[in-house]
């Protein structure tokens, strides 16, 4: 993918007709998307991320490409909802995204991770992480680049539920001051299995 395509990939996905196409794709089933790719290749190839798939060095099947496009569409949706015109008006974002070197590195890591994610849900989680990092300043760029890999290693079917259970337990323990009640909370949660999160680095005690 050329640097110009890479630089424009997120910003162009939030504009006009491309935004509308990606919104439609996010709501399609994989079968519907495959049929769209077959029937309307000229429509889809105008999206920068589609051009990247078409000119890539590796040979991708239509199912692999369709699944990636669907993940990308679900990644873009929450960003569009939360950030809208911030790419042009927010001083911090303008500073980050006017630096092509930094922006290109962010997009490289983001697209590589999206491609590896096994579920649509992980694409949506990555989208929320993007917003919390670049709009709400809750994470640094370094933390963002670390967490995108953590998301990859969450178990694809039960990992998110397990993560919620862990932090519900952690919050309950931190709010309780009575030792006996703390012991009760610990006993209640002692049988929970956190192995689906073992390699994520997300289990912060």
N, C-alpha and C. Protein backbone atom coordinates (compact mmCIF):
# COMPACT_ATOMS: atom_id res chain seq x y z
N UNK A 1 0.85 -1.20 0.00
CA UNK A 1 0.00 0.00 0.00
C UNK A 1 0.88 1.24 0.00
N UNK A 2 0.63 2.17 -0.89
CA UNK A 2 1.41 3.39 -0.95
C UNK A 2 1.13 4.26 0.25
N UNK A 3 2.11 5.12 0.60
CA UNK A 3 1.96 5.95 1.78
C UNK A 3 0.74 6.86 1.70
N UNK A 4 0.45 7.41 0.49
CA UNK A 4 -0.70 8.30 0.36
C UNK A 4 -2.00 7.58 0.68
N UNK A 5 -2.15 6.35 0.17
CA UNK A 5 -3.34 5.55 0.48
C UNK A 5 -3.42 5.29 1.97
N UNK A 6 -2.28 4.92 2.56
CA UNK A 6 -2.24 4.57 3.97
C UNK A 6 -2.58 5.79 4.83
N UNK A 7 -2.08 6.93 4.43
CA UNK A 7 -2.31 8.15 5.20
C UNK A 7 -3.78 8.55 5.19
N UNK A 8 -4.45 8.31 4.05
CA UNK A 8 -5.84 8.74 3.90
C UNK A 8 -6.86 7.71 4.37
N UNK A 9 -6.40 6.54 4.76
CA UNK A 9 -7.32 5.41 4.90
C UNK A 9 -8.41 5.65 5.94
N UNK A 10 -8.07 6.17 7.12
CA UNK A 10 -9.06 6.40 8.16
C UNK A 10 -9.90 7.64 7.85
N UNK A 11 -9.22 8.74 7.50
CA UNK A 11 -9.94 10.00 7.26
C UNK A 11 -10.94 9.85 6.12
N UNK A 12 -10.53 9.19 5.04
CA UNK A 12 -11.43 9.06 3.90
C UNK A 12 -12.61 8.15 4.20
N UNK A 13 -12.42 7.24 5.17
CA UNK A 13 -13.50 6.33 5.55
C UNK A 13 -14.61 7.03 6.32
N UNK A 14 -14.36 8.26 6.75
CA UNK A 14 -15.35 9.01 7.53
C UNK A 14 -16.05 10.07 6.69
N UNK A 15 -15.85 10.01 5.38
CA UNK A 15 -16.39 11.05 4.51
C UNK A 15 -17.49 10.51 3.60
N UNK A 16 -18.54 11.30 3.44
CA UNK A 16 -19.57 11.15 2.42
C UNK A 16 -19.98 9.75 2.06
N UNK A 17 -19.88 9.44 0.75
CA UNK A 17 -20.39 8.18 0.22
C UNK A 17 -19.63 6.98 0.76
N UNK A 18 -18.33 7.12 1.02
CA UNK A 18 -17.55 6.01 1.55
C UNK A 18 -18.03 5.65 2.94
N UNK A 19 -18.32 6.66 3.75
CA UNK A 19 -18.86 6.42 5.10
C UNK A 19 -20.17 5.65 5.01
N UNK A 20 -21.02 6.03 4.06
CA UNK A 20 -22.32 5.36 3.90
C UNK A 20 -22.16 3.91 3.45
N UNK A 21 -21.23 3.67 2.54
CA UNK A 21 -20.98 2.30 2.07
C UNK A 21 -20.51 1.43 3.22
N UNK A 22 -19.58 1.95 4.03
CA UNK A 22 -19.05 1.17 5.15
C UNK A 22 -20.13 0.93 6.21
N UNK A 23 -21.02 1.89 6.40
CA UNK A 23 -22.14 1.70 7.32
C UNK A 23 -23.03 0.54 6.86
N UNK A 24 -23.29 0.50 5.55
CA UNK A 24 -24.09 -0.59 4.99
C UNK A 24 -23.37 -1.93 5.15
N UNK A 25 -22.07 -1.95 4.89
CA UNK A 25 -21.29 -3.18 4.99
C UNK A 25 -21.32 -3.72 6.42
N UNK A 26 -21.24 -2.83 7.40
CA UNK A 26 -21.23 -3.26 8.80
C UNK A 26 -22.49 -4.05 9.15
N UNK A 27 -23.59 -3.74 8.49
CA UNK A 27 -24.87 -4.39 8.78
C UNK A 27 -25.12 -5.63 7.93
N UNK A 28 -24.26 -5.90 6.96
CA UNK A 28 -24.46 -7.05 6.08
C UNK A 28 -23.97 -8.34 6.74
N UNK A 29 -24.58 -9.45 6.34
CA UNK A 29 -24.01 -10.75 6.69
C UNK A 29 -22.80 -10.98 5.78
N UNK A 30 -21.97 -11.95 6.14
CA UNK A 30 -20.79 -12.24 5.32
C UNK A 30 -21.22 -12.69 3.92
N UNK A 31 -22.27 -13.48 3.82
CA UNK A 31 -22.76 -13.93 2.52
C UNK A 31 -23.20 -12.75 1.65
N UNK A 32 -23.93 -11.81 2.27
CA UNK A 32 -24.39 -10.63 1.52
C UNK A 32 -23.21 -9.80 1.03
N UNK A 33 -22.18 -9.68 1.87
CA UNK A 33 -21.01 -8.90 1.50
C UNK A 33 -20.25 -9.56 0.35
N UNK A 34 -20.13 -10.88 0.39
CA UNK A 34 -19.46 -11.60 -0.69
C UNK A 34 -20.19 -11.36 -2.01
N UNK A 35 -21.52 -11.41 -1.98
CA UNK A 35 -22.31 -11.16 -3.18
C UNK A 35 -22.11 -9.72 -3.68
N UNK A 36 -22.02 -8.77 -2.76
CA UNK A 36 -21.80 -7.37 -3.13
C UNK A 36 -20.45 -7.21 -3.81
N UNK A 37 -19.42 -7.87 -3.25
CA UNK A 37 -18.08 -7.79 -3.84
C UNK A 37 -18.10 -8.35 -5.26
N UNK A 38 -18.85 -9.44 -5.46
CA UNK A 38 -18.93 -10.06 -6.79
C UNK A 38 -19.66 -9.17 -7.78
N UNK A 39 -20.76 -8.54 -7.32
CA UNK A 39 -21.64 -7.80 -8.21
C UNK A 39 -21.19 -6.35 -8.44
N UNK A 40 -20.55 -5.75 -7.43
CA UNK A 40 -20.23 -4.32 -7.51
C UNK A 40 -18.76 -4.04 -7.21
N UNK A 41 -17.84 -4.70 -7.90
CA UNK A 41 -16.41 -4.48 -7.61
C UNK A 41 -15.97 -3.04 -7.85
N UNK A 42 -16.57 -2.37 -8.84
CA UNK A 42 -16.16 -0.99 -9.13
C UNK A 42 -16.56 -0.03 -8.02
N UNK A 43 -17.68 -0.31 -7.35
CA UNK A 43 -18.11 0.51 -6.22
C UNK A 43 -17.14 0.35 -5.06
N UNK A 44 -16.80 -0.89 -4.76
CA UNK A 44 -15.98 -1.16 -3.59
C UNK A 44 -14.52 -0.72 -3.76
N UNK A 45 -14.02 -0.78 -4.98
CA UNK A 45 -12.59 -0.48 -5.16
C UNK A 45 -12.28 1.00 -4.97
N UNK A 46 -13.31 1.84 -4.88
CA UNK A 46 -13.08 3.27 -4.61
C UNK A 46 -12.76 3.53 -3.14
N UNK A 47 -12.96 2.54 -2.28
CA UNK A 47 -12.63 2.69 -0.86
C UNK A 47 -11.15 2.38 -0.68
N UNK A 48 -10.37 3.27 -0.04
CA UNK A 48 -8.93 3.05 0.07
C UNK A 48 -8.55 1.69 0.64
N UNK A 49 -9.28 1.22 1.65
CA UNK A 49 -8.93 -0.06 2.26
C UNK A 49 -9.14 -1.21 1.28
N UNK A 50 -10.10 -1.07 0.35
CA UNK A 50 -10.33 -2.09 -0.66
C UNK A 50 -9.19 -2.08 -1.67
N UNK A 51 -8.73 -0.90 -2.04
CA UNK A 51 -7.58 -0.81 -2.95
C UNK A 51 -6.38 -1.52 -2.35
N UNK A 52 -6.21 -1.36 -1.04
CA UNK A 52 -5.09 -2.03 -0.37
C UNK A 52 -5.20 -3.55 -0.51
N UNK A 53 -6.41 -4.09 -0.36
CA UNK A 53 -6.61 -5.53 -0.51
C UNK A 53 -6.31 -5.98 -1.94
N UNK A 54 -6.71 -5.15 -2.91
CA UNK A 54 -6.56 -5.54 -4.31
C UNK A 54 -5.12 -5.50 -4.77
N UNK A 55 -4.31 -4.57 -4.22
CA UNK A 55 -2.93 -4.45 -4.70
C UNK A 55 -1.94 -5.14 -3.78
N UNK A 56 -2.43 -5.81 -2.75
CA UNK A 56 -1.53 -6.49 -1.82
C UNK A 56 -0.75 -7.58 -2.50
N UNK A 57 0.40 -7.90 -1.94
CA UNK A 57 1.26 -8.92 -2.53
C UNK A 57 0.71 -10.33 -2.30
N UNK A 58 0.02 -10.53 -1.16
CA UNK A 58 -0.48 -11.87 -0.88
C UNK A 58 -1.82 -12.09 -1.59
N UNK A 59 -2.08 -13.33 -1.93
CA UNK A 59 -3.33 -13.68 -2.60
C UNK A 59 -4.36 -14.01 -1.53
N UNK A 60 -5.46 -13.27 -1.49
CA UNK A 60 -6.50 -13.45 -0.49
C UNK A 60 -7.73 -14.03 -1.15
N UNK A 61 -8.39 -14.95 -0.50
CA UNK A 61 -9.65 -15.46 -1.03
C UNK A 61 -10.72 -14.40 -0.83
N UNK A 62 -11.81 -14.55 -1.56
CA UNK A 62 -12.91 -13.58 -1.43
C UNK A 62 -13.50 -13.62 -0.03
N UNK A 63 -13.51 -14.80 0.61
CA UNK A 63 -14.05 -14.89 1.98
C UNK A 63 -13.16 -14.14 2.96
N UNK A 64 -11.85 -14.32 2.84
CA UNK A 64 -10.92 -13.60 3.71
C UNK A 64 -11.05 -12.10 3.52
N UNK A 65 -11.13 -11.67 2.27
CA UNK A 65 -11.25 -10.24 1.99
C UNK A 65 -12.56 -9.69 2.52
N UNK A 66 -13.65 -10.44 2.31
CA UNK A 66 -14.96 -9.98 2.77
C UNK A 66 -14.99 -9.86 4.28
N UNK A 67 -14.39 -10.82 4.97
CA UNK A 67 -14.37 -10.78 6.43
C UNK A 67 -13.56 -9.58 6.92
N UNK A 68 -12.44 -9.31 6.27
CA UNK A 68 -11.65 -8.15 6.67
C UNK A 68 -12.43 -6.86 6.44
N UNK A 69 -13.10 -6.75 5.29
CA UNK A 69 -13.88 -5.54 5.00
C UNK A 69 -14.96 -5.34 6.06
N UNK A 70 -15.61 -6.42 6.45
CA UNK A 70 -16.66 -6.34 7.47
C UNK A 70 -16.07 -5.89 8.81
N UNK A 71 -14.92 -6.42 9.18
CA UNK A 71 -14.26 -5.98 10.42
C UNK A 71 -13.91 -4.50 10.32
N UNK A 72 -13.39 -4.09 9.18
CA UNK A 72 -13.01 -2.69 9.00
C UNK A 72 -14.22 -1.77 9.10
N UNK A 73 -15.33 -2.18 8.49
CA UNK A 73 -16.55 -1.36 8.53
C UNK A 73 -17.05 -1.21 9.96
N UNK A 74 -16.96 -2.28 10.75
CA UNK A 74 -17.39 -2.22 12.15
C UNK A 74 -16.40 -1.44 13.01
N UNK A 75 -15.16 -1.38 12.59
CA UNK A 75 -14.15 -0.55 13.26
C UNK A 75 -14.42 0.93 13.01
N UNK A 76 -14.76 1.27 11.79
CA UNK A 76 -14.98 2.67 11.41
C UNK A 76 -16.26 3.24 12.02
N UNK A 77 -17.31 2.42 12.14
CA UNK A 77 -18.61 2.91 12.59
C UNK A 77 -18.57 3.68 13.90
N UNK A 78 -18.09 3.09 15.00
CA UNK A 78 -18.04 3.82 16.27
C UNK A 78 -17.13 5.05 16.23
N UNK A 79 -16.07 5.00 15.42
CA UNK A 79 -15.19 6.16 15.30
C UNK A 79 -15.96 7.32 14.67
N UNK A 80 -16.72 7.01 13.64
CA UNK A 80 -17.52 8.05 12.99
C UNK A 80 -18.55 8.64 13.95
N UNK A 81 -19.19 7.77 14.75
CA UNK A 81 -20.19 8.25 15.70
C UNK A 81 -19.56 9.17 16.75
N UNK A 82 -18.39 8.81 17.23
CA UNK A 82 -17.78 9.53 18.36
C UNK A 82 -16.98 10.75 17.94
N UNK A 83 -16.37 10.69 16.75
CA UNK A 83 -15.38 11.72 16.41
C UNK A 83 -15.86 12.69 15.34
N UNK A 84 -16.70 12.25 14.44
CA UNK A 84 -17.28 13.09 13.39
C UNK A 84 -16.24 14.02 12.77
N UNK A 85 -16.32 15.33 13.04
CA UNK A 85 -15.41 16.28 12.38
C UNK A 85 -14.13 16.54 13.17
N UNK A 86 -13.89 15.75 14.22
CA UNK A 86 -12.73 16.03 15.07
C UNK A 86 -11.40 15.92 14.33
N UNK A 87 -11.35 15.11 13.27
CA UNK A 87 -10.10 14.97 12.53
C UNK A 87 -9.65 16.30 11.94
N UNK A 88 -10.59 17.19 11.67
CA UNK A 88 -10.25 18.48 11.09
C UNK A 88 -10.15 19.59 12.13
N UNK A 89 -10.84 19.44 13.29
CA UNK A 89 -10.99 20.55 14.22
C UNK A 89 -10.29 20.38 15.56
N UNK A 90 -10.09 19.14 16.02
CA UNK A 90 -9.49 18.92 17.32
C UNK A 90 -7.98 19.14 17.23
N UNK A 91 -7.44 20.02 18.08
CA UNK A 91 -6.03 20.41 17.98
C UNK A 91 -5.09 19.22 18.15
N UNK A 92 -5.40 18.34 19.11
CA UNK A 92 -4.54 17.18 19.35
C UNK A 92 -4.54 16.24 18.15
N UNK A 93 -5.72 15.99 17.59
CA UNK A 93 -5.82 15.11 16.44
C UNK A 93 -5.14 15.71 15.22
N UNK A 94 -5.35 16.99 15.01
CA UNK A 94 -4.70 17.65 13.88
C UNK A 94 -3.19 17.52 13.99
N UNK A 95 -2.66 17.66 15.20
CA UNK A 95 -1.23 17.55 15.42
C UNK A 95 -0.72 16.15 15.12
N UNK A 96 -1.46 15.12 15.64
CA UNK A 96 -1.04 13.74 15.42
C UNK A 96 -1.14 13.36 13.94
N UNK A 97 -2.29 13.67 13.34
CA UNK A 97 -2.54 13.16 12.00
C UNK A 97 -1.95 14.04 10.90
N UNK A 98 -1.41 15.19 11.27
CA UNK A 98 -0.66 15.96 10.29
C UNK A 98 0.78 15.48 10.21
N UNK A 99 1.20 14.69 11.21
CA UNK A 99 2.53 14.09 11.19
C UNK A 99 2.42 12.74 10.48
N UNK A 100 2.78 12.71 9.22
CA UNK A 100 2.55 11.51 8.42
C UNK A 100 3.31 10.30 8.95
N UNK A 101 4.49 10.51 9.51
CA UNK A 101 5.27 9.39 10.01
C UNK A 101 4.54 8.71 11.17
N UNK A 102 4.10 9.52 12.15
CA UNK A 102 3.39 8.97 13.31
C UNK A 102 2.08 8.33 12.87
N UNK A 103 1.33 9.04 12.04
CA UNK A 103 0.03 8.56 11.61
C UNK A 103 0.15 7.25 10.84
N UNK A 104 1.15 7.18 9.95
CA UNK A 104 1.35 5.97 9.16
C UNK A 104 1.67 4.77 10.05
N UNK A 105 2.49 4.98 11.07
CA UNK A 105 2.81 3.89 12.00
C UNK A 105 1.58 3.41 12.76
N UNK A 106 0.74 4.36 13.18
CA UNK A 106 -0.51 4.01 13.88
C UNK A 106 -1.41 3.18 12.97
N UNK A 107 -1.58 3.63 11.73
CA UNK A 107 -2.45 2.92 10.80
C UNK A 107 -1.88 1.56 10.44
N UNK A 108 -0.55 1.47 10.27
CA UNK A 108 0.07 0.17 10.01
C UNK A 108 -0.32 -0.84 11.08
N UNK A 109 -0.09 -0.48 12.35
CA UNK A 109 -0.36 -1.40 13.45
C UNK A 109 -1.85 -1.72 13.55
N UNK A 110 -2.68 -0.71 13.31
CA UNK A 110 -4.13 -0.91 13.41
C UNK A 110 -4.63 -1.89 12.35
N UNK A 111 -4.22 -1.69 11.09
CA UNK A 111 -4.69 -2.54 10.00
C UNK A 111 -4.15 -3.95 10.14
N UNK A 112 -2.88 -4.09 10.53
CA UNK A 112 -2.30 -5.42 10.74
C UNK A 112 -3.08 -6.18 11.81
N UNK A 113 -3.40 -5.49 12.90
CA UNK A 113 -4.14 -6.12 13.99
C UNK A 113 -5.55 -6.49 13.56
N UNK A 114 -6.24 -5.56 12.90
CA UNK A 114 -7.59 -5.85 12.40
C UNK A 114 -7.60 -7.10 11.53
N UNK A 115 -6.60 -7.23 10.69
CA UNK A 115 -6.52 -8.37 9.79
C UNK A 115 -6.40 -9.69 10.56
N UNK A 116 -5.75 -9.64 11.73
CA UNK A 116 -5.54 -10.87 12.50
C UNK A 116 -6.70 -11.20 13.43
N UNK A 117 -7.53 -10.21 13.76
CA UNK A 117 -8.62 -10.45 14.70
C UNK A 117 -9.58 -11.51 14.17
N UNK A 118 -10.03 -12.38 15.09
CA UNK A 118 -10.89 -13.50 14.68
C UNK A 118 -12.37 -13.16 14.69
N UNK A 119 -12.75 -12.03 15.28
CA UNK A 119 -14.18 -11.71 15.43
C UNK A 119 -14.47 -10.25 15.12
N UNK A 120 -15.73 -9.98 14.76
CA UNK A 120 -16.20 -8.62 14.56
C UNK A 120 -16.16 -7.86 15.88
N UNK A 121 -16.45 -8.54 16.98
CA UNK A 121 -16.46 -7.90 18.29
C UNK A 121 -15.11 -7.27 18.61
N UNK A 122 -14.02 -7.94 18.23
CA UNK A 122 -12.69 -7.39 18.49
C UNK A 122 -12.46 -6.13 17.67
N UNK A 123 -13.00 -6.08 16.46
CA UNK A 123 -12.89 -4.87 15.64
C UNK A 123 -13.60 -3.71 16.32
N UNK A 124 -14.76 -3.98 16.93
CA UNK A 124 -15.50 -2.92 17.64
C UNK A 124 -14.74 -2.47 18.88
N UNK A 125 -14.12 -3.43 19.59
CA UNK A 125 -13.32 -3.07 20.77
C UNK A 125 -12.15 -2.18 20.36
N UNK A 126 -11.50 -2.53 19.25
CA UNK A 126 -10.40 -1.71 18.75
C UNK A 126 -10.87 -0.30 18.41
N UNK A 127 -12.07 -0.20 17.86
CA UNK A 127 -12.63 1.11 17.54
C UNK A 127 -12.80 1.96 18.80
N UNK A 128 -13.34 1.34 19.87
CA UNK A 128 -13.50 2.07 21.13
C UNK A 128 -12.15 2.49 21.70
N UNK A 129 -11.15 1.62 21.57
CA UNK A 129 -9.80 1.96 22.02
C UNK A 129 -9.26 3.16 21.23
N UNK A 130 -9.51 3.17 19.93
CA UNK A 130 -9.07 4.28 19.08
C UNK A 130 -9.67 5.61 19.57
N UNK A 131 -10.97 5.59 19.84
CA UNK A 131 -11.66 6.79 20.31
C UNK A 131 -11.14 7.23 21.67
N UNK A 132 -10.99 6.26 22.59
CA UNK A 132 -10.53 6.61 23.94
C UNK A 132 -9.09 7.14 23.92
N UNK A 133 -8.31 6.71 22.94
CA UNK A 133 -6.92 7.18 22.83
C UNK A 133 -6.85 8.54 22.17
N UNK A 134 -7.46 8.68 21.00
CA UNK A 134 -7.22 9.87 20.19
C UNK A 134 -8.26 10.97 20.37
N UNK A 135 -9.38 10.66 20.98
CA UNK A 135 -10.36 11.71 21.28
C UNK A 135 -10.37 12.05 22.77
N UNK A 136 -10.40 11.02 23.62
CA UNK A 136 -10.59 11.24 25.06
C UNK A 136 -9.31 11.21 25.87
N UNK A 137 -8.17 10.96 25.22
CA UNK A 137 -6.85 11.04 25.86
C UNK A 137 -6.69 10.10 27.06
N UNK A 138 -7.39 8.98 27.06
CA UNK A 138 -7.28 8.04 28.18
C UNK A 138 -6.07 7.12 28.06
N UNK A 139 -5.54 6.99 26.85
CA UNK A 139 -4.37 6.15 26.61
C UNK A 139 -3.35 6.92 25.78
N UNK A 140 -2.08 6.63 26.00
CA UNK A 140 -1.04 7.18 25.15
C UNK A 140 -0.95 6.37 23.87
N UNK A 141 -0.21 6.87 22.89
CA UNK A 141 -0.01 6.11 21.66
C UNK A 141 0.70 4.80 21.95
N UNK A 142 1.65 4.83 22.88
CA UNK A 142 2.36 3.60 23.26
C UNK A 142 1.40 2.58 23.87
N UNK A 143 0.51 3.05 24.74
CA UNK A 143 -0.48 2.14 25.34
C UNK A 143 -1.44 1.61 24.27
N UNK A 144 -1.81 2.45 23.33
CA UNK A 144 -2.67 2.02 22.23
C UNK A 144 -2.00 0.87 21.47
N UNK A 145 -0.74 1.06 21.10
CA UNK A 145 -0.02 0.04 20.34
C UNK A 145 0.15 -1.25 21.12
N UNK A 146 0.19 -1.16 22.45
CA UNK A 146 0.26 -2.37 23.28
C UNK A 146 -1.09 -3.06 23.35
N UNK A 147 -2.14 -2.28 23.56
CA UNK A 147 -3.47 -2.86 23.76
C UNK A 147 -4.05 -3.48 22.50
N UNK A 148 -3.66 -2.99 21.32
CA UNK A 148 -4.19 -3.62 20.10
C UNK A 148 -3.73 -5.07 20.00
N UNK A 149 -2.56 -5.37 20.54
CA UNK A 149 -2.10 -6.76 20.55
C UNK A 149 -2.76 -7.56 21.67
N UNK A 150 -3.06 -6.90 22.78
CA UNK A 150 -3.79 -7.56 23.87
C UNK A 150 -5.16 -8.03 23.38
N UNK A 151 -5.83 -7.20 22.60
CA UNK A 151 -7.14 -7.55 22.07
C UNK A 151 -7.06 -8.83 21.23
N UNK A 152 -5.98 -8.94 20.46
CA UNK A 152 -5.81 -10.12 19.61
C UNK A 152 -5.84 -11.42 20.41
N UNK A 153 -5.26 -11.38 21.62
CA UNK A 153 -5.10 -12.62 22.40
C UNK A 153 -6.27 -12.91 23.33
N UNK A 154 -7.29 -12.06 23.34
CA UNK A 154 -8.51 -12.38 24.10
C UNK A 154 -9.19 -13.57 23.42
N UNK A 155 -9.64 -14.53 24.21
CA UNK A 155 -10.33 -15.69 23.64
C UNK A 155 -11.50 -15.21 22.79
N UNK A 156 -11.66 -15.70 21.54
CA UNK A 156 -12.66 -15.14 20.64
C UNK A 156 -14.11 -15.33 21.04
N UNK A 157 -14.41 -16.34 21.88
CA UNK A 157 -15.82 -16.55 22.23
C UNK A 157 -16.16 -16.18 23.67
N UNK A 158 -15.27 -16.47 24.62
CA UNK A 158 -15.61 -16.21 26.03
C UNK A 158 -14.69 -15.19 26.69
N UNK A 159 -13.73 -14.67 25.96
CA UNK A 159 -12.73 -13.78 26.55
C UNK A 159 -13.29 -12.48 27.10
N UNK A 160 -14.17 -11.82 26.35
CA UNK A 160 -14.70 -10.53 26.79
C UNK A 160 -15.56 -10.70 28.04
N UNK A 161 -16.38 -11.74 28.07
CA UNK A 161 -17.20 -12.02 29.25
C UNK A 161 -16.30 -12.30 30.46
N UNK A 162 -15.23 -13.03 30.24
CA UNK A 162 -14.27 -13.34 31.30
C UNK A 162 -13.60 -12.06 31.81
N UNK A 163 -13.24 -11.18 30.89
CA UNK A 163 -12.59 -9.92 31.27
C UNK A 163 -13.52 -9.06 32.12
N UNK A 164 -14.78 -9.01 31.74
CA UNK A 164 -15.77 -8.26 32.53
C UNK A 164 -15.90 -8.85 33.93
N UNK A 165 -15.94 -10.17 34.04
CA UNK A 165 -16.05 -10.82 35.34
C UNK A 165 -14.86 -10.48 36.22
N UNK A 166 -13.67 -10.46 35.62
CA UNK A 166 -12.46 -10.15 36.39
C UNK A 166 -12.51 -8.74 36.95
N UNK A 167 -12.89 -7.76 36.12
CA UNK A 167 -12.88 -6.38 36.60
C UNK A 167 -14.08 -6.06 37.49
N UNK A 168 -15.18 -6.79 37.32
CA UNK A 168 -16.27 -6.67 38.29
C UNK A 168 -15.80 -7.12 39.66
N UNK A 169 -15.08 -8.23 39.68
CA UNK A 169 -14.52 -8.76 40.93
C UNK A 169 -13.49 -7.79 41.52
N UNK A 170 -12.62 -7.28 40.69
CA UNK A 170 -11.59 -6.34 41.16
C UNK A 170 -12.22 -5.08 41.75
N UNK A 171 -13.23 -4.54 41.08
CA UNK A 171 -13.89 -3.32 41.56
C UNK A 171 -14.64 -3.58 42.87
N UNK A 172 -15.28 -4.75 42.95
CA UNK A 172 -16.00 -5.10 44.18
C UNK A 172 -15.04 -5.20 45.35
N UNK A 173 -13.89 -5.81 45.12
CA UNK A 173 -12.88 -5.95 46.18
C UNK A 173 -12.31 -4.59 46.60
N UNK A 174 -12.07 -3.71 45.64
CA UNK A 174 -11.46 -2.42 45.95
C UNK A 174 -12.41 -1.51 46.73
N UNK A 175 -13.71 -1.68 46.53
CA UNK A 175 -14.69 -0.84 47.22
C UNK A 175 -15.02 -1.34 48.62
N UNK A 176 -14.75 -2.61 48.88
CA UNK A 176 -15.09 -3.19 50.18
C UNK A 176 -13.92 -3.05 51.16
N UNK A 177 -14.20 -2.54 52.36
CA UNK A 177 -13.15 -2.35 53.36
C UNK A 177 -13.18 -3.42 54.45
N UNK A 178 -14.33 -4.02 54.65
CA UNK A 178 -14.46 -5.04 55.69
C UNK A 178 -13.75 -6.33 55.26
N UNK A 179 -12.83 -6.84 56.14
CA UNK A 179 -12.02 -8.00 55.77
C UNK A 179 -12.87 -9.25 55.54
N UNK A 180 -13.85 -9.47 56.42
CA UNK A 180 -14.69 -10.67 56.27
C UNK A 180 -15.48 -10.63 54.96
N UNK A 181 -15.96 -9.47 54.62
CA UNK A 181 -16.70 -9.34 53.37
C UNK A 181 -15.78 -9.51 52.16
N UNK A 182 -14.54 -9.02 52.32
CA UNK A 182 -13.56 -9.23 51.26
C UNK A 182 -13.30 -10.72 51.06
N UNK A 183 -13.20 -11.45 52.17
CA UNK A 183 -12.98 -12.90 52.09
C UNK A 183 -14.16 -13.58 51.40
N UNK A 184 -15.37 -13.11 51.68
CA UNK A 184 -16.56 -13.68 51.05
C UNK A 184 -16.54 -13.43 49.53
N UNK A 185 -16.13 -12.21 49.17
CA UNK A 185 -16.06 -11.87 47.74
C UNK A 185 -15.02 -12.75 47.06
N UNK A 186 -13.89 -12.93 47.73
CA UNK A 186 -12.82 -13.77 47.16
C UNK A 186 -13.31 -15.20 46.96
N UNK A 187 -13.98 -15.75 47.98
CA UNK A 187 -14.49 -17.12 47.89
C UNK A 187 -15.49 -17.26 46.75
N UNK A 188 -16.35 -16.26 46.63
CA UNK A 188 -17.38 -16.29 45.58
C UNK A 188 -16.76 -16.33 44.20
N UNK A 189 -15.60 -15.71 44.04
CA UNK A 189 -14.98 -15.61 42.72
C UNK A 189 -13.77 -16.53 42.53
N UNK A 190 -13.46 -17.32 43.54
CA UNK A 190 -12.24 -18.14 43.48
C UNK A 190 -12.30 -19.22 42.40
N UNK A 191 -13.50 -19.60 41.99
CA UNK A 191 -13.62 -20.66 40.99
C UNK A 191 -13.63 -20.14 39.55
N UNK A 192 -13.60 -18.82 39.39
CA UNK A 192 -13.61 -18.26 38.04
C UNK A 192 -12.33 -18.62 37.29
N UNK A 193 -12.47 -18.97 36.05
CA UNK A 193 -11.33 -19.38 35.21
C UNK A 193 -10.93 -18.21 34.31
N UNK A 194 -9.72 -17.69 34.53
CA UNK A 194 -9.26 -16.56 33.74
C UNK A 194 -8.25 -16.98 32.67
N UNK A 195 -8.15 -18.26 32.40
CA UNK A 195 -7.20 -18.74 31.40
C UNK A 195 -7.46 -18.16 30.00
N UNK A 196 -8.74 -17.84 29.64
CA UNK A 196 -8.94 -17.22 28.32
C UNK A 196 -8.25 -15.86 28.15
N UNK A 197 -7.74 -15.31 29.25
CA UNK A 197 -7.07 -14.01 29.20
C UNK A 197 -5.59 -14.10 29.53
N UNK A 198 -5.07 -15.33 29.63
CA UNK A 198 -3.73 -15.55 30.18
C UNK A 198 -2.64 -14.80 29.43
N UNK A 199 -2.75 -14.69 28.12
CA UNK A 199 -1.67 -14.09 27.33
C UNK A 199 -1.96 -12.65 26.89
N UNK A 200 -2.99 -12.06 27.47
CA UNK A 200 -3.39 -10.72 27.00
C UNK A 200 -2.67 -9.58 27.71
N UNK A 201 -2.19 -9.82 28.93
CA UNK A 201 -1.63 -8.73 29.74
C UNK A 201 -2.68 -7.82 30.32
N UNK A 202 -3.94 -8.24 30.29
CA UNK A 202 -5.05 -7.40 30.76
C UNK A 202 -5.47 -7.68 32.19
N UNK A 203 -4.91 -8.70 32.81
CA UNK A 203 -5.29 -9.03 34.19
C UNK A 203 -4.43 -8.26 35.16
N UNK A 204 -4.83 -7.03 35.43
CA UNK A 204 -4.09 -6.14 36.32
C UNK A 204 -4.66 -6.21 37.73
N UNK A 205 -3.88 -6.73 38.66
CA UNK A 205 -4.34 -6.86 40.05
C UNK A 205 -4.16 -5.52 40.77
